[in-house]
Amino acid sequence: MFKLLIHFLISLSLPPLFLSALFPRTPKLHSVEEGRGKLFFALDVLGLAKLHGRKIEWYNVTTDDGYILALHRILSNSSVDGEKSGPRPVVFLQHGLMATSDAFIVYGSPRSLGYQLSDAGYDVWMGNFRGNTYCLTHEKWLSDNSEFWDFSMDEYALQDLPPQIDFVLKATNQSSLSFIGHSLGATTHIMLLSARPEYNKKMDFVVYFAPVVYSVTRTRLRDTLPALALIPQIFARSGAVELFSQNLLSPITIYFCASTRSLLEWCQGLMDRLVGYDREQFNLREFLGVMSYYPAGTSAKVIFHYSQQTLSGKFRKYDYLTSDLNLQHYGQPTAPDYDVSAIDVPGMAIFRGPGDVVTTDEDMRVFINSLSPKQSVVYETVKFPSFNHGAFISARDLKPLVNDLVLEYLQKYYQNKNSKL
């Protein structure tokens, strides 16, 4: 995460397209054997699963606007619980900003949530958003065309999530599923349920890890982000340009940070400012390896959208900044708000880390109070004082601090649901 700031600073002097040419994408391979002789490479989701002694299926889902998205399914681990008869409850996992489905398996079993859920008897599917390293194809455009990168969080929420959810429900012959999202994955799901209420009926239990919704509390990060978001506009005012791809700048940055103790401390300090200070749950040796997978690409327009919400404190669609353009897109001079009071799911749990600087307790309470009074919500503060925004993926004690509690909520929900059948 510390590379986020580094990449922004580099973008100040180098156009992103030139930067992409200078630093080609990191090769993603199916096995360690394929990487022999290569200086830098990363295992893809299939390669990670093989390394962990697991199996994952890969599906492609095409959106209404032509993006081809990778959808991954963790197959049951027969060595743990055997093949169970009958359909398993379905759980859909969605990654955060500039991440991929790798986030939910990269640490292996039992720490990674994807594997833990699968071993507990759930049918686990992992979605991906357009523009990440798994989703760089389109029916019409190549990924080096600016048209390909003309999307914001709205497209993530309203174009990418629905076809993936519908595909999973059809493939499993289920009418509903549980959803777990981290950060952007949670935020976009909230957008979807607010704008398309029919998807509420397709949900079972919903879990949000550190969703960014209403940015109420003023923080140093929130005062800085809008200014940083202006940098890519030097090269692409529309925001239709790729930022932070999974390329060879990642391992170069890692080696730079790890080269001396003082540089390591400096890089750690940058990360602390972005996600929160944590030296107990943060395992540096593991983190340097995982950074080969992060960041994995997004559009500058997504960053613009985030900065708009951060600056305004509003939870709304992308603002095209002029009345004429907003009228053209929305039929009104301002970008419309997402109405979170339309959310109506059987159960919801929201988690936040006390050391998180991206979301605050005040933000979470404003969001919860904006929901319908009928909506059942459990608000959990992780019981570790320095647990930060990224710790929902990388924490050393993620299993006892978060994952076990998530499984407890899911188990209770499905027990109650089945008892009513």
Protein backbone atom coordinates (compact mmCIF):
# COMPACT_ATOMS: atom_id res chain seq x y z
CA MET A 1 0.00 0.00 0.00
CA PHE A 2 2.93 2.34 0.54
CA LYS A 3 3.48 2.25 -3.24
CA LEU A 4 0.25 4.15 -3.81
CA LEU A 5 1.95 7.42 -2.85
CA ILE A 6 5.13 6.49 -4.73
CA HIS A 7 3.18 5.84 -7.92
CA PHE A 8 1.34 9.15 -7.59
CA LEU A 9 4.63 11.02 -7.28
CA ILE A 10 6.11 9.26 -10.29
CA SER A 11 2.97 10.13 -12.28
CA LEU A 12 3.69 13.81 -11.62
CA SER A 13 6.63 13.72 -14.02
CA LEU A 14 5.85 10.80 -16.34
CA PRO A 15 2.64 10.22 -18.32
CA PRO A 16 1.04 6.97 -17.17
CA LEU A 17 1.09 5.45 -20.66
CA PHE A 18 4.84 6.02 -20.92
CA LEU A 19 5.24 4.57 -17.44
CA SER A 20 3.37 1.43 -18.51
CA ALA A 21 5.67 1.02 -21.49
CA LEU A 22 8.76 1.53 -19.35
CA PHE A 23 7.59 -1.03 -16.77
CA PRO A 24 5.86 -3.98 -18.50
CA ARG A 25 3.27 -6.06 -16.69
CA THR A 26 4.51 -8.68 -14.25
CA PRO A 27 4.19 -12.15 -15.82
CA LYS A 28 1.43 -14.16 -14.08
CA LEU A 29 2.05 -17.86 -14.35
CA HIS A 30 0.19 -21.08 -13.52
CA SER A 31 3.10 -22.69 -11.65
CA VAL A 32 6.48 -22.09 -10.07
CA GLU A 33 8.03 -24.33 -12.73
CA GLU A 34 6.95 -21.93 -15.48
CA GLY A 35 8.79 -19.14 -13.69
CA ARG A 36 12.18 -20.80 -13.59
CA GLY A 37 14.79 -18.50 -15.13
CA LYS A 38 12.59 -15.40 -14.81
CA LEU A 39 13.84 -12.64 -12.52
CA PHE A 40 10.32 -11.50 -11.54
CA PHE A 41 6.96 -13.24 -11.85
CA ALA A 42 3.80 -13.84 -9.83
CA LEU A 43 1.61 -16.91 -9.64
CA ASP A 44 -1.93 -16.34 -10.86
CA VAL A 45 -4.94 -17.57 -8.90
CA LEU A 46 -4.59 -21.06 -10.39
CA GLY A 47 -0.89 -21.15 -9.56
CA LEU A 48 -1.52 -20.00 -5.99
CA ALA A 49 -4.15 -22.69 -5.55
CA LYS A 50 -1.75 -25.35 -6.88
CA LEU A 51 0.95 -24.10 -4.52
CA HIS A 52 -1.52 -24.43 -1.63
CA GLY A 53 -2.65 -27.92 -2.67
CA ARG A 54 -6.07 -26.63 -3.75
CA LYS A 55 -8.09 -26.33 -6.96
CA ILE A 56 -9.84 -23.30 -8.39
CA GLU A 57 -12.10 -23.04 -11.44
CA TRP A 58 -11.89 -20.03 -13.75
CA TYR A 59 -14.93 -18.59 -15.54
CA ASN A 60 -15.31 -15.54 -17.79
CA VAL A 61 -18.34 -13.28 -17.48
CA THR A 62 -19.12 -10.54 -20.01
CA THR A 63 -20.78 -7.33 -18.86
CA ASP A 64 -23.50 -5.53 -20.78
CA ASP A 65 -20.93 -2.96 -21.91
CA GLY A 66 -18.47 -5.56 -23.19
CA TYR A 67 -15.88 -6.09 -20.43
CA ILE A 68 -14.78 -9.69 -19.90
CA LEU A 69 -14.37 -10.38 -16.18
CA ALA A 70 -12.61 -13.28 -14.48
CA LEU A 71 -14.68 -15.12 -11.89
CA HIS A 72 -13.01 -17.73 -9.67
CA ARG A 73 -14.52 -20.61 -7.70
CA ILE A 74 -12.74 -22.50 -4.94
CA LEU A 75 -13.42 -26.21 -5.21
CA SER A 76 -14.21 -28.21 -2.09
CA ASN A 77 -11.20 -29.56 -0.23
CA SER A 78 -12.09 -33.23 0.23
CA SER A 79 -9.14 -33.77 2.59
CA VAL A 80 -10.85 -31.48 5.11
CA ASP A 81 -14.55 -32.28 5.05
CA GLY A 82 -15.17 -34.64 2.14
CA GLU A 83 -17.72 -34.04 -0.57
CA LYS A 84 -20.98 -33.09 1.13
CA SER A 85 -24.27 -34.12 -0.38
CA GLY A 86 -26.68 -31.42 -1.50
CA PRO A 87 -26.00 -27.79 -2.41
CA ARG A 88 -23.63 -25.78 -0.23
CA PRO A 89 -24.50 -22.22 0.83
CA VAL A 90 -22.93 -19.79 -1.64
CA VAL A 91 -20.57 -16.99 -0.55
CA PHE A 92 -19.34 -14.33 -2.96
CA LEU A 93 -16.12 -12.44 -2.12
CA GLN A 94 -15.23 -9.07 -3.67
CA HIS A 95 -11.81 -7.44 -3.41
CA GLY A 96 -10.86 -3.86 -2.62
CA LEU A 97 -9.37 -1.01 -4.62
CA MET A 98 -6.59 -2.02 -7.05
CA ALA A 99 -6.70 -5.63 -5.83
CA THR A 100 -7.83 -8.94 -7.35
CA SER A 101 -9.40 -12.18 -6.16
CA ASP A 102 -5.86 -13.23 -5.18
CA ALA A 103 -6.36 -11.25 -1.96
CA PHE A 104 -8.66 -13.91 -0.49
CA ILE A 105 -6.27 -16.86 -0.99
CA VAL A 106 -2.74 -15.43 -1.17
CA TYR A 107 -1.79 -16.36 2.41
CA GLY A 108 -2.91 -19.95 2.08
CA SER A 109 -5.04 -22.02 4.46
CA PRO A 110 -6.41 -21.56 7.05
CA ARG A 111 -5.61 -17.86 7.31
CA SER A 112 -7.03 -16.77 3.96
CA LEU A 113 -10.78 -16.21 4.17
CA GLY A 114 -11.57 -17.92 0.86
CA TYR A 115 -10.07 -21.23 1.94
CA GLN A 116 -11.47 -21.00 5.45
CA LEU A 117 -14.99 -20.52 4.12
CA SER A 118 -14.57 -23.38 1.66
CA ASP A 119 -13.29 -25.72 4.38
CA ALA A 120 -16.31 -24.78 6.50
CA GLY A 121 -18.63 -26.10 3.79
CA TYR A 122 -19.42 -22.99 1.72
CA ASP A 123 -19.38 -22.75 -2.06
CA VAL A 124 -16.94 -19.85 -2.47
CA TRP A 125 -16.78 -17.60 -5.52
CA MET A 126 -14.43 -14.63 -5.94
CA GLY A 127 -15.22 -11.71 -8.25
CA ASN A 128 -12.96 -9.28 -10.10
CA PHE A 129 -13.43 -5.73 -11.38
CA ARG A 130 -12.67 -4.44 -14.86
CA GLY A 131 -9.17 -3.10 -15.32
CA ASN A 132 -7.39 -5.33 -12.83
CA THR A 133 -4.77 -7.77 -14.04
CA TYR A 134 -7.40 -10.50 -14.66
CA CYS A 135 -9.83 -8.24 -16.52
CA LEU A 136 -7.98 -6.51 -19.35
CA THR A 137 -10.07 -7.70 -22.29
CA HIS A 138 -13.12 -6.18 -23.94
CA GLU A 139 -15.32 -7.21 -26.85
CA LYS A 140 -14.45 -4.01 -28.72
CA TRP A 141 -11.52 -2.14 -27.14
CA LEU A 142 -7.94 -3.06 -26.35
CA SER A 143 -6.62 -2.16 -22.91
CA ASP A 144 -4.30 0.46 -24.41
CA ASN A 145 -7.31 2.45 -25.68
CA SER A 146 -8.53 5.30 -23.52
CA GLU A 147 -12.13 4.14 -24.04
CA PHE A 148 -11.33 0.97 -22.10
CA TRP A 149 -10.43 3.00 -19.00
CA ASP A 150 -13.47 5.28 -19.02
CA PHE A 151 -15.11 3.94 -15.87
CA SER A 152 -15.63 4.95 -12.25
CA MET A 153 -16.89 3.16 -9.15
CA ASP A 154 -20.39 3.38 -10.65
CA GLU A 155 -19.43 0.90 -13.38
CA TYR A 156 -17.85 -1.41 -10.83
CA ALA A 157 -21.10 -1.39 -8.86
CA LEU A 158 -23.77 -1.34 -11.57
CA GLN A 159 -22.07 -3.07 -14.52
CA ASP A 160 -19.56 -5.53 -12.99
CA LEU A 161 -21.22 -6.91 -9.86
CA PRO A 162 -24.68 -7.79 -11.28
CA PRO A 163 -23.60 -10.20 -14.07
CA GLN A 164 -21.13 -11.95 -11.77
CA ILE A 165 -23.72 -12.41 -9.03
CA ASP A 166 -26.30 -13.61 -11.58
CA PHE A 167 -23.79 -16.04 -13.11
CA VAL A 168 -23.02 -17.56 -9.71
CA LEU A 169 -26.70 -17.95 -8.82
CA LYS A 170 -27.44 -19.63 -12.15
CA ALA A 171 -24.37 -21.91 -11.94
CA THR A 172 -25.26 -23.04 -8.42
CA ASN A 173 -29.02 -23.15 -9.01
CA GLN A 174 -29.55 -20.90 -6.00
CA SER A 175 -31.84 -17.91 -5.57
CA SER A 176 -29.63 -16.02 -3.10
CA LEU A 177 -26.08 -15.88 -1.77
CA SER A 178 -24.05 -14.28 1.00
CA PHE A 179 -21.72 -11.44 0.08
CA ILE A 180 -18.44 -10.38 1.71
CA GLY A 181 -16.63 -7.29 0.46
CA HIS A 182 -13.48 -5.51 1.55
CA SER A 183 -13.24 -1.71 1.24
CA LEU A 184 -14.13 -0.88 -2.40
CA GLY A 185 -15.76 -4.31 -2.74
CA ALA A 186 -18.08 -3.38 0.13
CA THR A 187 -18.62 0.18 -1.07
CA THR A 188 -19.68 -0.87 -4.56
CA HIS A 189 -22.03 -3.52 -3.19
CA ILE A 190 -23.70 -0.83 -1.09
CA MET A 191 -24.05 1.22 -4.28
CA LEU A 192 -25.63 -1.73 -6.08
CA LEU A 193 -28.18 -2.48 -3.36
CA SER A 194 -29.04 1.24 -3.15
CA ALA A 195 -29.50 1.79 -6.89
CA ARG A 196 -30.97 -1.58 -7.86
CA PRO A 197 -33.11 -2.75 -4.93
CA GLU A 198 -34.02 -5.99 -6.73
CA TYR A 199 -30.55 -7.29 -5.83
CA ASN A 200 -31.46 -7.13 -2.15
CA LYS A 201 -33.68 -10.15 -2.76
CA LYS A 202 -30.68 -12.07 -4.07
CA MET A 203 -28.75 -11.62 -0.83
CA ASP A 204 -28.50 -13.77 2.27
CA PHE A 205 -26.09 -12.50 4.94
CA VAL A 206 -23.90 -9.53 3.99
CA VAL A 207 -20.49 -8.73 5.52
CA TYR A 208 -18.65 -5.47 4.92
CA PHE A 209 -15.01 -4.99 5.88
CA ALA A 210 -14.18 -1.28 6.24
CA PRO A 211 -16.62 0.10 3.66
CA VAL A 212 -15.91 3.66 2.53
CA VAL A 213 -19.31 5.34 2.34
CA TYR A 214 -19.75 8.72 4.05
CA SER A 215 -16.41 10.46 4.68
CA VAL A 216 -17.52 12.58 7.60
CA THR A 217 -14.42 12.86 9.76
CA ARG A 218 -11.68 15.13 8.44
CA THR A 219 -8.29 13.43 8.43
CA ARG A 220 -4.88 14.22 6.99
CA LEU A 221 -5.33 11.48 4.40
CA ARG A 222 -8.69 12.86 3.30
CA ASP A 223 -7.30 16.35 3.01
CA THR A 224 -4.42 15.04 0.88
CA LEU A 225 -6.22 12.58 -1.43
CA PRO A 226 -8.15 15.18 -3.51
CA ALA A 227 -4.90 17.04 -4.23
CA LEU A 228 -3.12 13.83 -5.23
CA ALA A 229 -6.06 12.88 -7.44
CA LEU A 230 -5.47 16.03 -9.49
CA ILE A 231 -2.07 14.74 -10.65
CA PRO A 232 -3.33 12.25 -13.28
CA GLN A 233 -5.61 14.95 -14.70
CA ILE A 234 -2.47 16.58 -16.11
CA PHE A 235 -2.41 13.72 -18.62
CA ALA A 236 -6.07 12.65 -18.83
CA ARG A 237 -8.65 15.17 -17.71
CA SER A 238 -11.47 12.67 -18.26
CA GLY A 239 -9.75 10.12 -16.03
CA ALA A 240 -9.85 7.53 -18.83
CA VAL A 241 -6.33 6.25 -18.24
CA GLU A 242 -4.83 3.27 -16.42
CA LEU A 243 -3.11 3.75 -13.08
CA PHE A 244 -1.09 1.38 -10.86
CA SER A 245 -1.05 -1.73 -13.03
CA GLN A 246 0.52 -4.93 -11.73
CA ASN A 247 3.84 -4.30 -13.43
CA LEU A 248 7.54 -4.65 -12.78
CA LEU A 249 7.57 -1.38 -10.83
CA SER A 250 6.15 -3.42 -7.94
CA PRO A 251 9.14 -5.73 -7.33
CA ILE A 252 11.51 -2.83 -8.07
CA THR A 253 9.80 -0.83 -5.36
CA ILE A 254 9.97 -3.78 -2.97
CA TYR A 255 13.69 -4.22 -3.50
CA PHE A 256 14.21 -0.48 -3.11
CA CYS A 257 12.38 -0.44 0.21
CA ALA A 258 14.10 -3.56 1.50
CA SER A 259 17.61 -2.48 0.50
CA THR A 260 18.48 -0.69 3.74
CA ARG A 261 16.97 -0.40 7.19
CA SER A 262 16.41 3.34 6.86
CA LEU A 263 14.64 2.97 3.50
CA LEU A 264 12.50 0.19 4.94
CA GLU A 265 11.43 2.41 7.81
CA TRP A 266 10.70 5.25 5.38
CA CYS A 267 8.52 3.00 3.19
CA GLN A 268 6.76 1.66 6.26
CA GLY A 269 6.07 5.23 7.32
CA LEU A 270 4.38 5.94 3.99
CA MET A 271 2.20 2.87 4.40
CA ASP A 272 1.31 3.91 7.95
CA ARG A 273 -0.06 7.20 6.63
CA LEU A 274 -2.20 5.42 4.05
CA VAL A 275 -3.75 2.57 6.03
CA GLY A 276 -2.82 3.07 9.71
CA TYR A 277 0.11 2.20 11.96
CA ASP A 278 0.50 -1.50 12.83
CA ARG A 279 3.68 -3.33 13.75
CA GLU A 280 2.15 -6.38 15.44
CA GLN A 281 -0.30 -7.68 12.81
CA PHE A 282 1.92 -6.46 9.98
CA ASN A 283 4.41 -9.18 8.94
CA LEU A 284 7.03 -7.44 6.83
CA ARG A 285 8.56 -10.63 5.38
CA GLU A 286 5.17 -11.79 4.07
CA PHE A 287 4.14 -8.32 3.02
CA LEU A 288 7.09 -7.84 0.67
CA GLY A 289 6.08 -11.01 -1.19
CA VAL A 290 2.40 -10.14 -1.34
CA MET A 291 3.22 -6.73 -2.80
CA SER A 292 4.00 -8.58 -6.04
CA TYR A 293 0.19 -8.74 -6.34
CA TYR A 294 -0.66 -5.20 -5.36
CA PRO A 295 -1.56 -2.80 -6.86
CA ALA A 296 -3.20 -4.61 -9.77
CA GLY A 297 -4.61 -1.71 -11.75
CA THR A 298 -7.54 0.66 -11.95
CA SER A 299 -8.72 3.76 -13.82
CA ALA A 300 -7.77 7.26 -12.77
CA LYS A 301 -11.49 7.99 -12.93
CA VAL A 302 -12.04 5.62 -9.98
CA ILE A 303 -9.50 7.64 -7.98
CA PHE A 304 -11.26 10.85 -9.01
CA HIS A 305 -14.57 9.38 -7.84
CA TYR A 306 -13.08 8.43 -4.47
CA SER A 307 -11.63 11.91 -4.05
CA GLN A 308 -15.01 13.52 -4.86
CA GLN A 309 -16.68 11.55 -2.09
CA THR A 310 -13.83 12.23 0.30
CA LEU A 311 -13.98 15.97 -0.35
CA SER A 312 -17.77 16.30 -0.25
CA GLY A 313 -18.63 13.72 2.39
CA LYS A 314 -21.47 12.64 0.09
CA PHE A 315 -22.19 9.14 -1.18
CA ARG A 316 -23.10 9.78 -4.79
CA LYS A 317 -22.43 8.89 -8.40
CA TYR A 318 -19.49 10.24 -10.35
CA ASP A 319 -19.65 14.03 -10.69
CA TYR A 320 -18.81 15.23 -14.22
CA LEU A 321 -18.11 18.68 -12.70
CA THR A 322 -20.33 20.73 -15.04
CA SER A 323 -24.09 21.07 -15.02
CA ASP A 324 -24.28 20.31 -18.74
CA LEU A 325 -22.36 17.03 -18.45
CA ASN A 326 -24.31 15.94 -15.38
CA LEU A 327 -27.55 16.74 -17.22
CA GLN A 328 -26.32 14.67 -20.15
CA HIS A 329 -25.55 11.65 -17.95
CA TYR A 330 -28.15 11.91 -15.18
CA GLY A 331 -30.87 14.27 -16.37
CA GLN A 332 -30.09 16.66 -13.51
CA PRO A 333 -27.38 19.29 -12.94
CA THR A 334 -25.75 17.46 -10.01
CA ALA A 335 -24.64 13.89 -9.53
CA PRO A 336 -27.40 11.89 -7.76
CA ASP A 337 -26.89 10.44 -4.28
CA TYR A 338 -27.05 6.73 -3.56
CA ASP A 339 -30.03 6.08 -1.29
CA VAL A 340 -28.73 3.58 1.25
CA SER A 341 -32.14 3.50 2.96
CA ALA A 342 -33.24 1.27 0.05
CA ILE A 343 -30.99 -1.54 1.33
CA ASP A 344 -33.03 -4.41 2.72
CA VAL A 345 -31.07 -7.63 3.28
CA PRO A 346 -31.77 -10.41 5.81
CA GLY A 347 -28.69 -9.62 7.87
CA MET A 348 -25.62 -7.41 7.82
CA ALA A 349 -22.34 -7.24 9.74
CA ILE A 350 -19.95 -4.30 9.40
CA PHE A 351 -16.36 -4.60 10.58
CA ARG A 352 -13.90 -1.79 11.22
CA GLY A 353 -10.38 -1.81 12.64
CA PRO A 354 -9.64 0.70 15.43
CA GLY A 355 -6.35 1.61 13.71
CA ASP A 356 -7.99 2.29 10.32
CA VAL A 357 -7.31 5.81 8.97
CA VAL A 358 -9.35 5.25 5.78
CA THR A 359 -12.66 4.82 7.59
CA THR A 360 -13.57 6.20 11.00
CA ASP A 361 -16.02 5.18 13.68
CA GLU A 362 -18.00 8.35 12.99
CA ASP A 363 -18.21 7.44 9.29
CA MET A 364 -19.57 4.00 10.11
CA ARG A 365 -22.19 5.32 12.49
CA VAL A 366 -23.41 7.88 9.96
CA PHE A 367 -23.77 5.10 7.40
CA ILE A 368 -25.59 2.79 9.81
CA ASN A 369 -27.94 5.59 10.89
CA SER A 370 -28.70 6.29 7.21
CA LEU A 371 -29.93 2.75 6.63
CA SER A 372 -33.58 1.86 6.93
CA PRO A 373 -34.66 1.36 10.58
CA LYS A 374 -35.85 -2.10 9.51
CA GLN A 375 -32.35 -3.16 8.45
CA SER A 376 -30.71 -5.53 10.93
CA VAL A 377 -27.05 -4.52 11.45
CA VAL A 378 -24.24 -5.75 13.67
CA TYR A 379 -21.32 -3.33 13.98
CA GLU A 380 -18.06 -4.97 15.01
CA THR A 381 -14.87 -3.17 16.01
CA VAL A 382 -11.98 -5.62 15.65
CA LYS A 383 -10.55 -6.39 19.08
CA PHE A 384 -6.99 -5.32 18.33
CA PRO A 385 -6.04 -1.65 18.84
CA SER A 386 -3.81 -1.18 15.77
CA PHE A 387 -5.87 -3.26 13.31
CA ASN A 388 -5.88 -1.13 10.13
CA HIS A 389 -7.55 -0.92 6.73
CA GLY A 390 -5.38 -3.48 4.96
CA ALA A 391 -5.32 -5.88 7.90
CA PHE A 392 -8.60 -7.47 6.74
CA ILE A 393 -6.43 -9.17 4.12
CA SER A 394 -2.94 -9.28 5.63
CA ALA A 395 -3.19 -9.47 9.45
CA ARG A 396 -1.15 -12.21 11.11
CA ASP A 397 -4.07 -13.07 13.42
CA LEU A 398 -6.81 -12.53 10.84
CA LYS A 399 -8.41 -15.91 11.52
CA PRO A 400 -9.15 -15.46 15.25
CA LEU A 401 -9.73 -11.70 15.05
CA VAL A 402 -12.11 -11.57 12.08
CA ASN A 403 -12.62 -14.73 10.02
CA ASP A 404 -13.83 -16.96 12.84
CA LEU A 405 -16.45 -14.37 13.78
CA VAL A 406 -17.59 -14.08 10.17
CA LEU A 407 -18.10 -17.84 10.03
CA GLU A 408 -20.02 -17.70 13.30
CA TYR A 409 -22.42 -15.11 11.87
CA LEU A 410 -22.89 -17.10 8.66
CA GLN A 411 -23.52 -20.33 10.57
CA LYS A 412 -26.16 -18.70 12.76
CA TYR A 413 -27.84 -17.13 9.75
CA TYR A 414 -28.08 -20.38 7.77
CA GLN A 415 -29.17 -22.37 10.80
CA ASN A 416 -32.06 -19.94 11.32
CA LYS A 417 -32.87 -19.90 7.63
CA ASN A 418 -32.95 -23.69 7.39
CA SER A 419 -35.05 -24.01 10.54
CA LYS A 420 -37.77 -21.92 8.87
CA LEU A 421 -37.92 -24.10 5.77
